[in-house]
Amino acid sequence: MARRIFFSLGVCFLFAFSAVISAQEALSAETDSTLAATLKSEAAEAELRHRFRAIDENVQDLKKEVLDLNRDLFLLEEDLLFPANSQVAFFISMDIGEYFELDSVNIKIDGKEVANYLYTEREVGALMRGGVQRVHMANLKTGDHELTAVFTGKGPHTRDYRRGATMIFNKGIGAKYLELEITDRVRKQQPEFVIKEWE
């Protein structure tokens, strides 16, 4: 009888043990499967990140090429529209600007208006910090030409101020550059408008 009980307990123990082993194997297989899926998912995510990075680098390279091409086209267009032999460029600059607050400039060549520019506060600030603005570019035949520039703005004591400057210049062969400079005449406490040629 004790043998039978012992035998029955042994059989039960074996069944229980085999059930535990089976459960552990199933759990281990499930864990391995989950781990494999996780690793596969991480690998796929890393691959996607790598592809996106490569696409982004290609897009940045294309942007740079487009900007370079745009710059080259702009220079080519400028060379075609304004050949060096007939090119004349007009620039505006300011020195101090204590007695004059620039509002607009009007440029005439040989009595014909070619530019009329209205300034913002930011642009005036840039000029006062030493900036130089190309206000107009044109093609002119060789020979003498008359340049008239009319400046409007606020003068001393914030009064409306309008002043012109005129210059006869000779356009020879090659490009010509003229600077319309606004300076302060401290002794008279007035702005002064000077037109000068760049060498």
N, C-alpha and C. Protein backbone atom coordinates (compact mmCIF):
# COMPACT_ATOMS: atom_id res chain seq x y z
N MET A 1 0.83 -1.18 0.00
CA MET A 1 0.00 0.00 0.00
C MET A 1 0.88 1.25 0.00
N ALA A 2 1.87 1.27 0.85
CA ALA A 2 2.78 2.41 0.91
C ALA A 2 3.50 2.54 -0.41
N ARG A 3 3.80 1.34 -1.04
CA ARG A 3 4.45 1.40 -2.34
C ARG A 3 3.56 2.05 -3.38
N ARG A 4 2.25 1.70 -3.35
CA ARG A 4 1.31 2.27 -4.31
C ARG A 4 1.21 3.77 -4.13
N ILE A 5 1.12 4.21 -2.91
CA ILE A 5 1.01 5.64 -2.62
C ILE A 5 2.28 6.35 -3.09
N PHE A 6 3.38 5.72 -2.77
CA PHE A 6 4.66 6.29 -3.16
C PHE A 6 4.75 6.36 -4.68
N PHE A 7 4.31 5.24 -5.32
CA PHE A 7 4.32 5.18 -6.78
C PHE A 7 3.40 6.25 -7.37
N SER A 8 2.20 6.39 -6.80
CA SER A 8 1.23 7.39 -7.26
C SER A 8 1.79 8.80 -7.09
N LEU A 9 2.43 9.02 -5.95
CA LEU A 9 3.02 10.34 -5.71
C LEU A 9 4.14 10.60 -6.71
N GLY A 10 4.93 9.54 -6.98
CA GLY A 10 6.01 9.69 -7.95
C GLY A 10 5.47 10.02 -9.33
N VAL A 11 4.38 9.34 -9.73
CA VAL A 11 3.77 9.60 -11.04
C VAL A 11 3.23 11.02 -11.08
N CYS A 12 2.55 11.40 -10.00
CA CYS A 12 2.02 12.78 -9.92
C CYS A 12 3.15 13.80 -9.99
N PHE A 13 4.21 13.50 -9.26
CA PHE A 13 5.35 14.41 -9.27
C PHE A 13 5.93 14.53 -10.67
N LEU A 14 6.06 13.37 -11.39
CA LEU A 14 6.57 13.39 -12.75
C LEU A 14 5.67 14.20 -13.68
N PHE A 15 4.35 14.00 -13.53
CA PHE A 15 3.41 14.78 -14.36
C PHE A 15 3.55 16.28 -14.07
N ALA A 16 3.62 16.59 -12.78
CA ALA A 16 3.73 18.00 -12.38
C ALA A 16 5.04 18.59 -12.91
N PHE A 17 6.12 17.81 -12.76
CA PHE A 17 7.42 18.26 -13.21
C PHE A 17 7.43 18.48 -14.73
N SER A 18 6.83 17.51 -15.47
CA SER A 18 6.79 17.63 -16.93
C SER A 18 5.91 18.82 -17.34
N ALA A 19 4.85 19.08 -16.55
CA ALA A 19 3.99 20.23 -16.86
C ALA A 19 4.75 21.54 -16.65
N VAL A 20 5.54 21.59 -15.55
CA VAL A 20 6.35 22.78 -15.28
C VAL A 20 7.37 22.98 -16.38
N ILE A 21 8.03 21.90 -16.79
CA ILE A 21 9.04 21.98 -17.85
C ILE A 21 8.39 22.47 -19.14
N SER A 22 7.21 21.93 -19.47
CA SER A 22 6.50 22.33 -20.68
C SER A 22 6.13 23.81 -20.63
N ALA A 23 5.68 24.24 -19.45
CA ALA A 23 5.30 25.66 -19.29
C ALA A 23 6.52 26.55 -19.45
N GLN A 24 7.65 26.12 -18.85
CA GLN A 24 8.88 26.91 -18.97
C GLN A 24 9.34 26.98 -20.42
N GLU A 25 9.26 25.85 -21.12
CA GLU A 25 9.66 25.84 -22.52
C GLU A 25 8.77 26.75 -23.36
N ALA A 26 7.47 26.71 -23.08
CA ALA A 26 6.53 27.58 -23.82
C ALA A 26 6.82 29.04 -23.54
N LEU A 27 7.08 29.34 -22.23
CA LEU A 27 7.39 30.72 -21.85
C LEU A 27 8.70 31.17 -22.48
N SER A 28 9.69 30.28 -22.50
CA SER A 28 10.99 30.61 -23.09
C SER A 28 10.84 30.86 -24.59
N ALA A 29 10.04 30.02 -25.25
CA ALA A 29 9.81 30.19 -26.69
C ALA A 29 9.11 31.52 -26.95
N GLU A 30 8.12 31.83 -26.10
CA GLU A 30 7.38 33.10 -26.28
C GLU A 30 8.31 34.30 -26.04
N THR A 31 9.18 34.20 -25.00
CA THR A 31 10.13 35.27 -24.71
C THR A 31 11.10 35.45 -25.87
N ASP A 32 11.60 34.31 -26.40
CA ASP A 32 12.52 34.38 -27.54
C ASP A 32 11.84 35.03 -28.74
N SER A 33 10.57 34.67 -28.96
CA SER A 33 9.82 35.23 -30.08
C SER A 33 9.62 36.74 -29.91
N THR A 34 9.28 37.16 -28.68
CA THR A 34 9.09 38.59 -28.39
C THR A 34 10.41 39.35 -28.55
N LEU A 35 11.49 38.75 -28.03
CA LEU A 35 12.80 39.37 -28.14
C LEU A 35 13.22 39.51 -29.61
N ALA A 36 12.96 38.45 -30.38
CA ALA A 36 13.31 38.49 -31.80
C ALA A 36 12.50 39.57 -32.52
N ALA A 37 11.20 39.69 -32.17
CA ALA A 37 10.35 40.71 -32.79
C ALA A 37 10.82 42.11 -32.41
N THR A 38 11.22 42.27 -31.13
CA THR A 38 11.72 43.58 -30.68
C THR A 38 13.00 43.94 -31.41
N LEU A 39 13.92 42.98 -31.50
CA LEU A 39 15.18 43.23 -32.20
C LEU A 39 14.93 43.56 -33.67
N LYS A 40 13.99 42.82 -34.28
CA LYS A 40 13.67 43.06 -35.68
C LYS A 40 13.07 44.46 -35.84
N SER A 41 12.19 44.85 -34.88
CA SER A 41 11.57 46.18 -34.92
C SER A 41 12.62 47.28 -34.76
N GLU A 42 13.55 47.09 -33.82
CA GLU A 42 14.62 48.09 -33.61
C GLU A 42 15.51 48.19 -34.84
N ALA A 43 15.80 47.04 -35.46
CA ALA A 43 16.63 47.05 -36.67
C ALA A 43 15.91 47.79 -37.80
N ALA A 44 14.60 47.55 -37.92
CA ALA A 44 13.82 48.23 -38.96
C ALA A 44 13.78 49.73 -38.69
N GLU A 45 13.62 50.11 -37.42
CA GLU A 45 13.59 51.53 -37.06
C GLU A 45 14.94 52.20 -37.34
N ALA A 46 16.03 51.49 -37.01
CA ALA A 46 17.37 52.03 -37.29
C ALA A 46 17.58 52.18 -38.80
N GLU A 47 17.09 51.21 -39.57
CA GLU A 47 17.20 51.29 -41.03
C GLU A 47 16.41 52.48 -41.57
N LEU A 48 15.20 52.69 -41.03
CA LEU A 48 14.39 53.85 -41.45
C LEU A 48 15.08 55.16 -41.11
N ARG A 49 15.66 55.24 -39.90
CA ARG A 49 16.39 56.46 -39.51
C ARG A 49 17.55 56.72 -40.46
N HIS A 50 18.26 55.65 -40.80
CA HIS A 50 19.40 55.78 -41.73
C HIS A 50 18.93 56.28 -43.10
N ARG A 51 17.81 55.73 -43.58
CA ARG A 51 17.28 56.15 -44.89
C ARG A 51 16.84 57.61 -44.85
N PHE A 52 16.14 58.00 -43.77
CA PHE A 52 15.69 59.40 -43.65
C PHE A 52 16.88 60.34 -43.61
N ARG A 53 17.93 59.94 -42.88
CA ARG A 53 19.14 60.77 -42.81
C ARG A 53 19.77 60.92 -44.20
N ALA A 54 19.82 59.83 -44.94
CA ALA A 54 20.39 59.88 -46.29
C ALA A 54 19.55 60.76 -47.21
N ILE A 55 18.21 60.66 -47.09
CA ILE A 55 17.32 61.50 -47.91
C ILE A 55 17.50 62.96 -47.54
N ASP A 56 17.59 63.25 -46.23
CA ASP A 56 17.78 64.63 -45.78
C ASP A 56 19.09 65.21 -46.31
N GLU A 57 20.16 64.42 -46.27
CA GLU A 57 21.45 64.88 -46.80
C GLU A 57 21.35 65.15 -48.30
N ASN A 58 20.63 64.29 -49.03
CA ASN A 58 20.44 64.51 -50.47
C ASN A 58 19.67 65.79 -50.73
N VAL A 59 18.63 66.04 -49.92
CA VAL A 59 17.83 67.27 -50.08
C VAL A 59 18.69 68.49 -49.81
N GLN A 60 19.53 68.45 -48.76
CA GLN A 60 20.40 69.59 -48.45
C GLN A 60 21.40 69.83 -49.58
N ASP A 61 21.95 68.75 -50.16
CA ASP A 61 22.87 68.89 -51.30
C ASP A 61 22.17 69.52 -52.49
N LEU A 62 20.93 69.09 -52.75
CA LEU A 62 20.16 69.65 -53.85
C LEU A 62 19.87 71.13 -53.63
N LYS A 63 19.53 71.50 -52.39
CA LYS A 63 19.28 72.92 -52.07
C LYS A 63 20.51 73.76 -52.35
N LYS A 64 21.67 73.25 -51.93
CA LYS A 64 22.92 73.99 -52.15
C LYS A 64 23.19 74.14 -53.65
N GLU A 65 22.97 73.07 -54.41
CA GLU A 65 23.18 73.14 -55.86
C GLU A 65 22.23 74.15 -56.50
N VAL A 66 20.97 74.17 -56.05
CA VAL A 66 19.99 75.11 -56.59
C VAL A 66 20.40 76.55 -56.28
N LEU A 67 20.87 76.81 -55.05
CA LEU A 67 21.31 78.15 -54.68
C LEU A 67 22.52 78.58 -55.51
N ASP A 68 23.47 77.66 -55.71
CA ASP A 68 24.65 77.97 -56.53
C ASP A 68 24.24 78.27 -57.97
N LEU A 69 23.33 77.45 -58.49
CA LEU A 69 22.86 77.64 -59.86
C LEU A 69 22.11 78.97 -59.99
N ASN A 70 21.30 79.30 -58.99
CA ASN A 70 20.56 80.57 -58.98
C ASN A 70 21.51 81.76 -58.98
N ARG A 71 22.57 81.67 -58.18
CA ARG A 71 23.57 82.75 -58.14
C ARG A 71 24.26 82.90 -59.50
N ASP A 72 24.65 81.76 -60.09
CA ASP A 72 25.31 81.81 -61.40
C ASP A 72 24.39 82.39 -62.47
N LEU A 73 23.10 82.02 -62.42
CA LEU A 73 22.14 82.56 -63.39
C LEU A 73 21.95 84.06 -63.19
N PHE A 74 21.92 84.51 -61.94
CA PHE A 74 21.77 85.94 -61.66
C PHE A 74 22.97 86.71 -62.22
N LEU A 75 24.18 86.20 -62.00
CA LEU A 75 25.38 86.87 -62.51
C LEU A 75 25.39 86.88 -64.04
N LEU A 76 24.98 85.76 -64.63
CA LEU A 76 24.94 85.69 -66.09
C LEU A 76 23.91 86.67 -66.65
N GLU A 77 22.74 86.72 -66.00
CA GLU A 77 21.70 87.66 -66.44
C GLU A 77 22.18 89.10 -66.33
N GLU A 78 22.87 89.41 -65.23
CA GLU A 78 23.40 90.76 -65.04
C GLU A 78 24.43 91.10 -66.11
N ASP A 79 25.28 90.13 -66.46
CA ASP A 79 26.28 90.36 -67.51
C ASP A 79 25.62 90.58 -68.87
N LEU A 80 24.53 89.84 -69.12
CA LEU A 80 23.85 89.98 -70.41
C LEU A 80 23.08 91.31 -70.49
N LEU A 81 22.40 91.67 -69.38
CA LEU A 81 21.60 92.90 -69.38
C LEU A 81 22.46 94.16 -69.28
N PHE A 82 23.54 94.07 -68.51
CA PHE A 82 24.40 95.23 -68.29
C PHE A 82 25.84 94.88 -68.63
N PRO A 83 26.19 94.88 -69.93
CA PRO A 83 27.57 94.57 -70.30
C PRO A 83 28.53 95.58 -69.69
N ALA A 84 29.74 95.14 -69.39
CA ALA A 84 30.72 95.99 -68.70
C ALA A 84 31.02 97.27 -69.47
N ASN A 85 30.96 97.22 -70.80
CA ASN A 85 31.30 98.41 -71.59
C ASN A 85 30.30 99.54 -71.43
N SER A 86 29.02 99.20 -71.18
CA SER A 86 28.00 100.25 -71.09
C SER A 86 27.40 100.38 -69.69
N GLN A 87 27.92 99.66 -68.73
CA GLN A 87 27.33 99.59 -67.40
C GLN A 87 27.65 100.81 -66.54
N VAL A 88 26.61 101.35 -65.91
CA VAL A 88 26.77 102.42 -64.92
C VAL A 88 25.95 102.02 -63.70
N ALA A 89 26.55 102.09 -62.51
CA ALA A 89 25.85 101.74 -61.28
C ALA A 89 25.91 102.92 -60.32
N PHE A 90 24.80 103.14 -59.60
CA PHE A 90 24.68 104.24 -58.65
C PHE A 90 24.47 103.68 -57.25
N PHE A 91 25.24 104.19 -56.31
CA PHE A 91 25.20 103.70 -54.93
C PHE A 91 24.86 104.85 -53.98
N ILE A 92 24.20 104.50 -52.87
CA ILE A 92 23.87 105.48 -51.82
C ILE A 92 24.65 105.09 -50.57
N SER A 93 25.24 106.10 -49.91
CA SER A 93 25.91 105.86 -48.62
C SER A 93 25.64 107.05 -47.71
N MET A 94 25.78 106.82 -46.40
CA MET A 94 25.57 107.89 -45.41
C MET A 94 26.74 107.91 -44.45
N ASP A 95 27.13 109.12 -44.06
CA ASP A 95 28.17 109.27 -43.05
C ASP A 95 27.56 110.04 -41.88
N ILE A 96 27.42 109.44 -40.76
CA ILE A 96 26.84 109.97 -39.52
C ILE A 96 25.33 110.15 -39.64
N GLY A 97 24.86 111.11 -40.45
CA GLY A 97 23.42 111.31 -40.61
C GLY A 97 22.75 111.97 -39.43
N GLU A 98 23.49 112.83 -38.72
CA GLU A 98 22.94 113.49 -37.53
C GLU A 98 21.98 114.62 -37.91
N TYR A 99 22.24 115.26 -39.06
CA TYR A 99 21.43 116.40 -39.47
C TYR A 99 20.43 116.06 -40.57
N PHE A 100 20.35 114.81 -40.93
CA PHE A 100 19.42 114.43 -42.00
C PHE A 100 18.95 113.00 -41.80
N GLU A 101 17.62 112.81 -41.86
CA GLU A 101 17.03 111.47 -41.77
C GLU A 101 16.43 111.15 -43.13
N LEU A 102 17.06 110.26 -43.86
CA LEU A 102 16.68 109.95 -45.25
C LEU A 102 15.31 109.30 -45.32
N ASP A 103 14.51 109.81 -46.26
CA ASP A 103 13.18 109.24 -46.49
C ASP A 103 13.11 108.61 -47.89
N SER A 104 13.59 109.34 -48.91
CA SER A 104 13.56 108.81 -50.27
C SER A 104 14.62 109.48 -51.13
N VAL A 105 14.91 108.84 -52.25
CA VAL A 105 15.85 109.42 -53.22
C VAL A 105 15.27 109.22 -54.61
N ASN A 106 15.44 110.23 -55.45
CA ASN A 106 14.97 110.20 -56.82
C ASN A 106 16.17 110.48 -57.73
N ILE A 107 16.38 109.61 -58.71
CA ILE A 107 17.55 109.75 -59.59
C ILE A 107 17.08 109.96 -61.02
N LYS A 108 17.66 110.97 -61.66
CA LYS A 108 17.38 111.24 -63.08
C LYS A 108 18.71 111.23 -63.83
N ILE A 109 18.68 110.65 -65.02
CA ILE A 109 19.85 110.68 -65.91
C ILE A 109 19.40 111.38 -67.20
N ASP A 110 20.10 112.45 -67.52
CA ASP A 110 19.79 113.24 -68.70
C ASP A 110 18.32 113.67 -68.71
N GLY A 111 17.81 114.05 -67.53
CA GLY A 111 16.43 114.54 -67.40
C GLY A 111 15.37 113.46 -67.33
N LYS A 112 15.75 112.20 -67.45
CA LYS A 112 14.78 111.10 -67.42
C LYS A 112 14.89 110.36 -66.08
N GLU A 113 13.74 110.22 -65.38
CA GLU A 113 13.75 109.53 -64.09
C GLU A 113 14.03 108.05 -64.30
N VAL A 114 15.02 107.55 -63.55
CA VAL A 114 15.39 106.14 -63.68
C VAL A 114 15.20 105.36 -62.37
N ALA A 115 15.13 106.08 -61.24
CA ALA A 115 14.95 105.39 -59.95
C ALA A 115 14.27 106.33 -58.96
N ASN A 116 13.38 105.75 -58.19
CA ASN A 116 12.71 106.48 -57.11
C ASN A 116 12.56 105.49 -55.96
N TYR A 117 13.35 105.67 -54.90
CA TYR A 117 13.41 104.66 -53.84
C TYR A 117 12.96 105.25 -52.51
N LEU A 118 12.04 104.55 -51.84
CA LEU A 118 11.53 104.95 -50.53
C LEU A 118 12.16 104.04 -49.47
N TYR A 119 12.76 104.64 -48.43
CA TYR A 119 13.52 103.88 -47.44
C TYR A 119 12.70 103.55 -46.20
N THR A 120 13.00 102.38 -45.62
CA THR A 120 12.43 102.00 -44.33
C THR A 120 13.43 102.38 -43.24
N GLU A 121 12.98 102.35 -42.00
CA GLU A 121 13.88 102.67 -40.87
C GLU A 121 15.06 101.71 -40.83
N ARG A 122 14.79 100.45 -41.11
CA ARG A 122 15.87 99.45 -41.08
C ARG A 122 16.94 99.74 -42.13
N GLU A 123 16.49 100.12 -43.32
CA GLU A 123 17.44 100.42 -44.39
C GLU A 123 18.27 101.65 -44.07
N VAL A 124 17.62 102.67 -43.50
CA VAL A 124 18.36 103.87 -43.09
C VAL A 124 19.37 103.52 -42.01
N GLY A 125 18.95 102.68 -41.05
CA GLY A 125 19.87 102.23 -40.00
C GLY A 125 21.07 101.50 -40.57
N ALA A 126 20.84 100.65 -41.57
CA ALA A 126 21.94 99.92 -42.21
C ALA A 126 22.90 100.89 -42.91
N LEU A 127 22.36 101.91 -43.58
CA LEU A 127 23.22 102.90 -44.23
C LEU A 127 24.05 103.67 -43.20
N MET A 128 23.42 104.01 -42.07
CA MET A 128 24.14 104.78 -41.03
C MET A 128 25.23 103.94 -40.36
N ARG A 129 25.08 102.61 -40.41
CA ARG A 129 26.11 101.74 -39.83
C ARG A 129 27.21 101.43 -40.84
N GLY A 130 27.19 102.11 -41.99
CA GLY A 130 28.27 101.92 -42.96
C GLY A 130 27.88 101.14 -44.20
N GLY A 131 26.61 100.78 -44.30
CA GLY A 131 26.17 100.03 -45.48
C GLY A 131 26.16 100.90 -46.73
N VAL A 132 26.27 100.26 -47.87
CA VAL A 132 26.21 100.94 -49.16
C VAL A 132 25.17 100.20 -49.99
N GLN A 133 24.22 100.95 -50.55
CA GLN A 133 23.14 100.33 -51.31
C GLN A 133 23.28 100.67 -52.80
N ARG A 134 23.19 99.63 -53.63
CA ARG A 134 23.13 99.89 -55.07
C ARG A 134 21.68 100.24 -55.40
N VAL A 135 21.44 101.50 -55.72
CA VAL A 135 20.08 101.96 -55.92
C VAL A 135 19.62 101.83 -57.37
N HIS A 136 20.58 101.81 -58.31
CA HIS A 136 20.19 101.69 -59.72
C HIS A 136 21.39 101.23 -60.55
N MET A 137 21.07 100.50 -61.63
CA MET A 137 22.08 100.11 -62.59
C MET A 137 21.51 100.34 -63.97
N ALA A 138 22.32 100.85 -64.89
CA ALA A 138 21.81 101.18 -66.22
C ALA A 138 22.88 100.95 -67.27
N ASN A 139 22.45 100.97 -68.53
CA ASN A 139 23.35 100.95 -69.68
C ASN A 139 23.34 102.34 -70.29
N LEU A 140 24.52 102.93 -70.47
CA LEU A 140 24.63 104.25 -71.08
C LEU A 140 25.65 104.23 -72.20
N LYS A 141 25.39 105.06 -73.21
CA LYS A 141 26.35 105.20 -74.30
C LYS A 141 27.55 106.01 -73.81
N THR A 142 28.66 105.87 -74.49
CA THR A 142 29.82 106.67 -74.13
C THR A 142 29.53 108.14 -74.41
N GLY A 143 30.12 108.99 -73.59
CA GLY A 143 29.91 110.43 -73.74
C GLY A 143 29.51 111.05 -72.42
N ASP A 144 29.14 112.33 -72.45
CA ASP A 144 28.76 113.06 -71.24
C ASP A 144 27.29 112.83 -70.92
N HIS A 145 27.02 112.70 -69.60
CA HIS A 145 25.65 112.52 -69.12
C HIS A 145 25.47 113.37 -67.86
N GLU A 146 24.23 113.78 -67.63
CA GLU A 146 23.92 114.57 -66.43
C GLU A 146 23.16 113.70 -65.44
N LEU A 147 23.67 113.65 -64.22
CA LEU A 147 23.02 112.91 -63.13
C LEU A 147 22.43 113.93 -62.16
N THR A 148 21.15 113.76 -61.83
CA THR A 148 20.49 114.59 -60.82
C THR A 148 19.90 113.67 -59.77
N ALA A 149 20.26 113.91 -58.53
CA ALA A 149 19.72 113.12 -57.41
C ALA A 149 19.01 114.07 -56.46
N VAL A 150 17.77 113.75 -56.11
CA VAL A 150 16.98 114.57 -55.18
C VAL A 150 16.71 113.72 -53.94
N PHE A 151 17.15 114.25 -52.79
CA PHE A 151 16.98 113.55 -51.51
C PHE A 151 15.88 114.24 -50.72
N THR A 152 14.97 113.46 -50.14
CA THR A 152 13.95 114.03 -49.25
C THR A 152 14.01 113.31 -47.92
N GLY A 153 13.66 114.03 -46.87
CA GLY A 153 13.67 113.46 -45.53
C GLY A 153 13.46 114.54 -44.50
N LYS A 154 13.93 114.28 -43.29
CA LYS A 154 13.83 115.24 -42.19
C LYS A 154 15.21 115.85 -41.96
N GLY A 155 15.24 117.19 -41.99
CA GLY A 155 16.49 117.89 -41.77
C GLY A 155 16.65 118.32 -40.33
N PRO A 156 17.49 119.33 -40.07
CA PRO A 156 17.67 119.83 -38.71
C PRO A 156 16.34 120.28 -38.11
N HIS A 157 16.17 120.04 -36.82
CA HIS A 157 14.94 120.37 -36.08
C HIS A 157 13.73 119.64 -36.65
N THR A 158 13.96 118.46 -37.23
CA THR A 158 12.92 117.57 -37.80
C THR A 158 12.00 118.28 -38.80
N ARG A 159 12.54 119.25 -39.52
CA ARG A 159 11.77 119.90 -40.58
C ARG A 159 11.90 119.09 -41.86
N ASP A 160 10.84 119.15 -42.70
CA ASP A 160 10.92 118.48 -44.00
C ASP A 160 12.05 119.10 -44.81
N TYR A 161 12.80 118.24 -45.46
CA TYR A 161 14.00 118.70 -46.14
C TYR A 161 14.06 118.05 -47.51
N ARG A 162 14.34 118.86 -48.53
CA ARG A 162 14.46 118.35 -49.90
C ARG A 162 15.66 119.05 -50.53
N ARG A 163 16.62 118.24 -50.97
CA ARG A 163 17.84 118.84 -51.53
C ARG A 163 18.29 118.00 -52.72
N GLY A 164 18.80 118.66 -53.73
CA GLY A 164 19.27 117.97 -54.92
C GLY A 164 20.76 118.14 -55.11
N ALA A 165 21.33 117.25 -55.87
CA ALA A 165 22.74 117.32 -56.24
C ALA A 165 22.83 116.93 -57.71
N THR A 166 23.64 117.66 -58.46
CA THR A 166 23.77 117.42 -59.90
C THR A 166 25.24 117.26 -60.26
N MET A 167 25.48 116.41 -61.25
CA MET A 167 26.86 116.19 -61.69
C MET A 167 26.85 115.79 -63.15
N ILE A 168 27.77 116.33 -63.90
CA ILE A 168 28.00 115.89 -65.28
C ILE A 168 29.16 114.89 -65.23
N PHE A 169 28.93 113.71 -65.77
CA PHE A 169 30.00 112.70 -65.77
C PHE A 169 30.19 112.17 -67.17
N ASN A 170 31.40 111.71 -67.43
CA ASN A 170 31.73 111.17 -68.75
C ASN A 170 31.75 109.66 -68.67
N LYS A 171 30.96 109.04 -69.54
CA LYS A 171 30.93 107.58 -69.61
C LYS A 171 31.89 107.14 -70.70
N GLY A 172 32.98 106.55 -70.29
CA GLY A 172 33.95 106.03 -71.25
C GLY A 172 33.72 104.55 -71.48
N ILE A 173 34.73 103.89 -71.99
CA ILE A 173 34.64 102.44 -72.20
C ILE A 173 34.91 101.76 -70.86
N GLY A 174 34.09 100.84 -70.51
CA GLY A 174 34.23 100.15 -69.23
C GLY A 174 33.14 100.59 -68.27
N ALA A 175 32.99 99.83 -67.20
CA ALA A 175 31.95 100.12 -66.20
C ALA A 175 32.28 101.39 -65.43
N LYS A 176 31.23 102.09 -64.99
CA LYS A 176 31.40 103.31 -64.19
C LYS A 176 30.53 103.18 -62.96
N TYR A 177 31.09 103.60 -61.81
CA TYR A 177 30.38 103.52 -60.54
C TYR A 177 30.35 104.91 -59.91
N LEU A 178 29.14 105.37 -59.53
CA LEU A 178 28.97 106.68 -58.91
C LEU A 178 28.32 106.50 -57.54
N GLU A 179 28.86 107.21 -56.55
CA GLU A 179 28.35 107.13 -55.18
C GLU A 179 27.67 108.44 -54.81
N LEU A 180 26.44 108.33 -54.34
CA LEU A 180 25.70 109.48 -53.84
C LEU A 180 25.84 109.45 -52.32
N GLU A 181 26.67 110.34 -51.80
CA GLU A 181 27.02 110.28 -50.37
C GLU A 181 26.33 111.41 -49.60
N ILE A 182 25.73 111.03 -48.49
CA ILE A 182 25.09 112.01 -47.59
C ILE A 182 26.00 112.16 -46.38
N THR A 183 26.49 113.37 -46.16
CA THR A 183 27.38 113.63 -45.03
C THR A 183 26.85 114.80 -44.22
N ASP A 184 27.37 114.96 -43.02
CA ASP A 184 27.01 116.09 -42.16
C ASP A 184 28.05 117.19 -42.29
N ARG A 185 27.58 118.39 -42.54
CA ARG A 185 28.47 119.55 -42.52
C ARG A 185 28.32 120.16 -41.13
N VAL A 186 29.23 119.82 -40.23
CA VAL A 186 29.10 120.17 -38.81
C VAL A 186 29.11 121.68 -38.61
N ARG A 187 29.97 122.40 -39.34
CA ARG A 187 30.09 123.83 -39.13
C ARG A 187 28.76 124.55 -39.39
N LYS A 188 28.04 124.13 -40.44
CA LYS A 188 26.77 124.77 -40.78
C LYS A 188 25.57 124.03 -40.20
N GLN A 189 25.85 122.90 -39.56
CA GLN A 189 24.81 122.04 -39.00
C GLN A 189 23.75 121.73 -40.07
N GLN A 190 24.25 121.35 -41.22
CA GLN A 190 23.39 121.00 -42.36
C GLN A 190 23.90 119.71 -42.99
N PRO A 191 23.00 118.98 -43.63
CA PRO A 191 23.48 117.82 -44.40
C PRO A 191 24.09 118.27 -45.72
N GLU A 192 25.00 117.47 -46.23
CA GLU A 192 25.62 117.78 -47.50
C GLU A 192 25.49 116.55 -48.40
N PHE A 193 25.20 116.78 -49.67
CA PHE A 193 24.99 115.69 -50.62
C PHE A 193 26.06 115.78 -51.70
N VAL A 194 26.88 114.75 -51.78
CA VAL A 194 28.02 114.77 -52.68
C VAL A 194 27.92 113.58 -53.63
N ILE A 195 28.22 113.83 -54.90
CA ILE A 195 28.27 112.74 -55.88
C ILE A 195 29.74 112.55 -56.26
N LYS A 196 30.23 111.33 -56.11
CA LYS A 196 31.63 111.10 -56.46
C LYS A 196 31.77 109.81 -57.27
N GLU A 197 32.79 109.80 -58.11
CA GLU A 197 33.07 108.64 -58.95
C GLU A 197 34.04 107.71 -58.24
N TRP A 198 33.81 106.41 -58.34
CA TRP A 198 34.77 105.44 -57.82
C TRP A 198 35.84 105.24 -58.87
N GLU A 199 37.06 105.17 -58.40
CA GLU A 199 38.19 104.95 -59.32
C GLU A 199 38.26 103.48 -59.69
